[in-house]
Amino acid sequence: MTKQPEELALLAESGRLLASVFGLLDRTPLVGMSTLQVDALVERFIVDDLQARPASKGQYGYGFVLNSSVNEVVCHGVPAESHVLRNGDIVNFDITLEKNGYIADSSKTYLVGEVDPAARRLVRTTYEAMWQGIRAVRPGARLGDIGWAIERHAKRNGYSVVREYCGHGIGREMHEEPQVLHFGTPRTGLALREGMVFTIEPMLNRGRRNVKTEADGWTVVTRDGSLSAQFEHTVAVTASGVSVLTLRPDELVLR
């Protein structure tokens, strides 16, 4: 589960390139675009501009470059021409990228046009929860510390944490050990070691945490129809703490 310095350098390069994909989306007016159009835009940028591979396409038989999870969709939303982004939506784009054999994974929930304050608050709190988990990463800390920090922040703000999906180790493979839960008990679980690389990707719901998978076998939605938001970064455990490998252009400092 620990990576060598040369591997960490390659993972950092993949992370830097993936961050630039979100920079592209930050500059893209999303209102009126279909999620399939966004998928095509991202694929062209990764392949043509970055000379990299969209790692999700073909993984487990999935046919697209990204997941596009709109409003009550928790994760694994499938791009479609019929899914047009409208004013007031929230949408999470979950994207992976491979360069030189190493994969980075990140996601961001976007506010589409004018979004109501309740939805904005959910998105902001989910982002904060991710960073609470990131701040818990250091050598000697335990996986339970990450989950506890995320869950505590979510519950303090009145939100539930989805438990069926978690963060994961990452490197040459998209999903490696360890599993990183977004709930937990402090000082429990695997001890973190310098060189570990994994994702932290909490999903918070406005309503209950319960989810269900739709008939397509991919799309996961809240059972009660409430809004859901997610953020994700790939991080590495360093000698002094943590390095966020997928830090995006809109994130200037470690929060």
Protein backbone atom coordinates (compact mmCIF):
# COMPACT_ATOMS: atom_id res chain seq x y z
CA MET A 1 0.00 0.00 0.00
CA THR A 2 2.98 2.35 0.18
CA LYS A 3 4.47 3.95 -2.90
CA GLN A 4 8.11 4.69 -3.65
CA PRO A 5 9.26 8.30 -4.30
CA GLU A 6 9.39 7.77 -8.06
CA GLU A 7 5.83 6.41 -7.99
CA LEU A 8 4.65 9.35 -5.91
CA ALA A 9 6.14 11.73 -8.48
CA LEU A 10 4.21 10.02 -11.28
CA LEU A 11 1.01 10.05 -9.24
CA ALA A 12 1.53 13.75 -8.55
CA GLU A 13 1.84 14.41 -12.29
CA SER A 14 -1.40 12.52 -12.98
CA GLY A 15 -3.04 14.52 -10.20
CA ARG A 16 -1.80 17.81 -11.63
CA LEU A 17 -3.20 16.97 -15.04
CA LEU A 18 -6.53 15.90 -13.57
CA ALA A 19 -6.75 19.17 -11.65
CA SER A 20 -6.44 21.00 -14.98
CA VAL A 21 -9.50 19.09 -16.25
CA PHE A 22 -11.53 20.67 -13.46
CA GLY A 23 -9.98 24.00 -14.39
CA LEU A 24 -11.51 23.50 -17.83
CA LEU A 25 -14.92 22.73 -16.30
CA ASP A 26 -14.64 25.78 -14.05
CA ARG A 27 -14.44 27.88 -17.20
CA THR A 28 -17.32 26.10 -18.95
CA PRO A 29 -20.87 27.53 -18.78
CA LEU A 30 -22.83 24.41 -17.81
CA VAL A 31 -26.41 25.69 -18.10
CA GLY A 32 -28.00 24.09 -21.17
CA MET A 33 -25.27 21.51 -21.73
CA SER A 34 -26.13 17.84 -21.63
CA THR A 35 -24.03 15.61 -19.40
CA LEU A 36 -23.04 13.69 -22.54
CA GLN A 37 -21.67 16.91 -24.04
CA VAL A 38 -19.62 17.46 -20.88
CA ASP A 39 -18.32 13.88 -21.15
CA ALA A 40 -17.21 14.49 -24.74
CA LEU A 41 -15.56 17.81 -23.82
CA VAL A 42 -13.58 16.18 -21.02
CA GLU A 43 -12.54 13.21 -23.17
CA ARG A 44 -11.18 15.48 -25.90
CA PHE A 45 -9.22 17.53 -23.37
CA ILE A 46 -7.70 14.50 -21.60
CA VAL A 47 -6.77 12.68 -24.81
CA ASP A 48 -5.86 15.51 -27.17
CA ASP A 49 -4.55 18.25 -24.89
CA LEU A 50 -3.10 16.25 -22.00
CA GLN A 51 -2.00 13.18 -23.97
CA ALA A 52 -3.42 11.02 -21.18
CA ARG A 53 -6.01 8.27 -20.79
CA PRO A 54 -9.45 8.68 -19.22
CA ALA A 55 -9.15 5.75 -16.83
CA SER A 56 -12.87 5.27 -16.13
CA LYS A 57 -13.77 4.51 -19.74
CA GLY A 58 -13.90 0.75 -20.09
CA GLN A 59 -13.36 0.12 -16.38
CA TYR A 60 -15.84 -2.56 -15.21
CA GLY A 61 -17.56 -2.20 -18.59
CA TYR A 62 -18.37 1.49 -18.07
CA GLY A 63 -18.67 3.33 -21.38
CA PHE A 64 -17.93 6.94 -20.44
CA VAL A 65 -15.13 9.20 -19.26
CA LEU A 66 -16.88 10.57 -16.19
CA ASN A 67 -19.78 10.10 -13.80
CA SER A 68 -22.32 12.93 -13.82
CA SER A 69 -24.49 12.86 -10.70
CA VAL A 70 -27.26 15.48 -10.72
CA ASN A 71 -29.34 16.56 -7.71
CA GLU A 72 -30.62 13.40 -5.95
CA VAL A 73 -28.05 11.19 -7.72
CA VAL A 74 -25.47 10.19 -5.12
CA CYS A 75 -22.83 8.73 -7.42
CA HIS A 76 -22.17 6.84 -10.67
CA GLY A 77 -24.59 8.91 -12.75
CA VAL A 78 -24.30 7.98 -16.42
CA PRO A 79 -23.91 10.80 -19.01
CA ALA A 80 -26.79 11.11 -21.47
CA GLU A 81 -27.93 13.51 -24.17
CA SER A 82 -31.30 13.72 -22.42
CA HIS A 83 -29.74 14.88 -19.14
CA VAL A 84 -29.57 18.63 -19.76
CA LEU A 85 -28.16 20.73 -16.92
CA ARG A 86 -30.62 23.40 -15.86
CA ASN A 87 -30.47 26.54 -13.78
CA GLY A 88 -30.59 25.56 -10.10
CA ASP A 89 -29.12 22.06 -10.48
CA ILE A 90 -26.15 20.73 -8.59
CA VAL A 91 -23.97 18.19 -10.43
CA ASN A 92 -20.98 16.16 -9.36
CA PHE A 93 -18.42 15.26 -12.02
CA ASP A 94 -16.22 12.34 -10.95
CA ILE A 95 -13.21 11.94 -13.26
CA THR A 96 -10.16 9.70 -13.41
CA LEU A 97 -6.99 10.12 -15.46
CA GLU A 98 -4.03 7.86 -16.15
CA LYS A 99 -0.63 9.14 -17.24
CA ASN A 100 2.52 7.03 -17.42
CA GLY A 101 0.70 4.09 -15.88
CA TYR A 102 -0.54 5.88 -12.73
CA ILE A 103 -4.09 6.97 -11.97
CA ALA A 104 -5.54 10.00 -10.17
CA ASP A 105 -9.18 10.32 -9.12
CA SER A 106 -11.11 13.43 -8.14
CA SER A 107 -14.60 14.89 -8.14
CA LYS A 108 -16.29 18.23 -7.62
CA THR A 109 -19.92 19.28 -7.20
CA TYR A 110 -20.82 22.28 -9.34
CA LEU A 111 -23.57 24.82 -8.79
CA VAL A 112 -25.36 25.27 -12.11
CA GLY A 113 -26.58 28.84 -12.52
CA GLU A 114 -28.57 30.27 -9.61
CA VAL A 115 -28.83 27.59 -6.92
CA ASP A 116 -31.03 27.96 -3.84
CA PRO A 117 -29.36 28.58 -0.46
CA ALA A 118 -30.21 25.14 0.97
CA ALA A 119 -28.48 23.37 -1.90
CA ARG A 120 -25.51 25.74 -1.68
CA ARG A 121 -25.17 24.95 2.02
CA LEU A 122 -25.15 21.20 1.35
CA VAL A 123 -22.43 21.58 -1.29
CA ARG A 124 -20.32 23.84 0.92
CA THR A 125 -20.62 21.51 3.93
CA THR A 126 -19.68 18.47 1.83
CA TYR A 127 -16.56 20.26 0.63
CA GLU A 128 -15.70 21.20 4.21
CA ALA A 129 -16.26 17.60 5.34
CA MET A 130 -13.79 16.34 2.75
CA TRP A 131 -11.19 18.78 4.06
CA GLN A 132 -11.89 17.74 7.64
CA GLY A 133 -10.98 14.22 6.56
CA ILE A 134 -7.87 15.40 4.71
CA ARG A 135 -6.66 17.31 7.76
CA ALA A 136 -6.75 14.08 9.76
CA VAL A 137 -4.16 12.44 7.48
CA ARG A 138 -0.65 12.06 8.90
CA PRO A 139 1.74 9.21 9.69
CA GLY A 140 0.50 7.33 12.74
CA ALA A 141 -3.10 8.52 12.40
CA ARG A 142 -5.69 5.84 11.71
CA LEU A 143 -8.34 5.42 9.06
CA GLY A 144 -11.03 5.80 11.73
CA ASP A 145 -9.77 9.33 12.40
CA ILE A 146 -10.60 10.30 8.81
CA GLY A 147 -14.09 8.86 8.90
CA TRP A 148 -14.83 10.33 12.31
CA ALA A 149 -13.77 13.83 11.23
CA ILE A 150 -16.02 13.68 8.16
CA GLU A 151 -19.05 12.24 9.95
CA ARG A 152 -18.77 14.67 12.85
CA HIS A 153 -18.81 17.68 10.52
CA ALA A 154 -21.74 16.29 8.52
CA LYS A 155 -23.86 15.53 11.58
CA ARG A 156 -23.12 18.91 13.20
CA ASN A 157 -24.63 20.50 10.11
CA GLY A 158 -27.66 18.23 9.94
CA TYR A 159 -26.59 15.96 7.07
CA SER A 160 -26.22 12.21 6.72
CA VAL A 161 -23.19 10.35 5.33
CA VAL A 162 -23.64 7.67 2.68
CA ARG A 163 -22.04 4.45 3.96
CA GLU A 164 -22.24 2.13 0.96
CA TYR A 165 -19.38 3.82 -0.93
CA CYS A 166 -15.93 4.78 0.28
CA GLY A 167 -12.52 6.10 -0.64
CA HIS A 168 -9.82 3.70 -1.78
CA GLY A 169 -6.16 3.21 -2.38
CA ILE A 170 -4.99 4.14 -5.87
CA GLY A 171 -1.88 3.77 -8.01
CA ARG A 172 -1.42 1.58 -11.05
CA GLU A 173 -4.95 0.33 -10.39
CA MET A 174 -7.95 2.56 -9.84
CA HIS A 175 -9.10 0.66 -6.77
CA GLU A 176 -6.46 -0.61 -4.36
CA GLU A 177 -6.30 -1.12 -0.62
CA PRO A 178 -7.07 0.38 1.81
CA GLN A 179 -10.76 1.19 1.90
CA VAL A 180 -11.35 4.63 3.39
CA LEU A 181 -14.72 4.90 5.13
CA HIS A 182 -16.37 8.29 5.62
CA PHE A 183 -17.62 7.41 9.10
CA GLY A 184 -15.79 5.82 11.98
CA THR A 185 -14.34 5.89 15.46
CA PRO A 186 -11.18 7.82 16.38
CA ARG A 187 -7.98 5.84 16.91
CA THR A 188 -9.35 2.74 15.20
CA GLY A 189 -8.52 1.09 11.90
CA LEU A 190 -5.36 0.82 9.88
CA ALA A 191 -2.45 3.06 10.89
CA LEU A 192 -1.35 5.46 8.14
CA ARG A 193 2.21 5.25 6.83
CA GLU A 194 4.29 7.61 4.73
CA GLY A 195 3.85 6.74 1.06
CA MET A 196 0.24 5.60 1.24
CA VAL A 197 -1.96 7.09 -1.51
CA PHE A 198 -5.75 6.98 -1.39
CA THR A 199 -8.90 8.95 -2.11
CA ILE A 200 -11.18 10.75 0.32
CA GLU A 201 -14.61 11.23 -1.27
CA PRO A 202 -17.53 11.79 1.12
CA MET A 203 -21.12 11.85 -0.12
CA LEU A 204 -23.56 13.82 2.07
CA ASN A 205 -27.35 13.75 1.80
CA ARG A 206 -29.84 16.40 2.91
CA GLY A 207 -32.18 13.64 4.03
CA ARG A 208 -31.56 10.10 5.20
CA ARG A 209 -28.39 8.26 4.23
CA ASN A 210 -30.24 5.39 2.51
CA VAL A 211 -29.60 4.90 -1.22
CA LYS A 212 -30.72 2.63 -4.05
CA THR A 213 -29.35 1.67 -7.45
CA GLU A 214 -31.51 2.33 -10.49
CA ALA A 215 -32.33 -0.16 -13.24
CA ASP A 216 -29.29 0.79 -15.35
CA GLY A 217 -27.10 -0.90 -12.75
CA TRP A 218 -24.95 2.22 -12.28
CA THR A 219 -26.92 5.24 -11.08
CA VAL A 220 -27.21 5.48 -7.28
CA VAL A 221 -29.87 7.83 -5.89
CA THR A 222 -31.15 8.83 -2.46
CA ARG A 223 -34.12 6.70 -1.43
CA ASP A 224 -36.05 9.71 -0.16
CA GLY A 225 -35.30 11.88 -3.21
CA SER A 226 -33.24 14.38 -1.22
CA LEU A 227 -30.26 16.21 -2.67
CA SER A 228 -26.80 14.68 -2.44
CA ALA A 229 -23.34 16.18 -2.94
CA GLN A 230 -19.81 14.81 -3.15
CA PHE A 231 -16.21 16.00 -3.33
CA GLU A 232 -13.07 13.92 -3.79
CA HIS A 233 -9.31 14.28 -3.75
CA THR A 234 -6.42 11.87 -4.13
CA VAL A 235 -3.98 12.34 -1.25
CA ALA A 236 -0.59 11.00 -0.23
CA VAL A 237 0.67 10.52 3.32
CA THR A 238 3.94 12.44 3.72
CA ALA A 239 6.54 12.53 6.49
CA SER A 240 5.01 15.74 7.82
CA GLY A 241 1.33 15.14 7.08
CA VAL A 242 -0.49 15.05 3.76
CA SER A 243 -0.10 16.14 0.15
CA VAL A 244 -3.21 16.66 -1.98
CA LEU A 245 -2.21 15.34 -5.39
CA THR A 246 -5.34 16.57 -7.21
CA LEU A 247 -5.44 20.09 -5.74
CA ARG A 248 -7.49 22.15 -8.20
CA PRO A 249 -6.83 25.61 -9.65
CA ASP A 250 -9.52 27.14 -7.40
CA GLU A 251 -7.82 25.78 -4.26
CA LEU A 252 -4.77 27.88 -3.54
CA VAL A 253 -3.87 26.59 -0.09
CA LEU A 254 -4.46 23.53 2.04
CA ARG A 255 -7.51 24.47 4.05
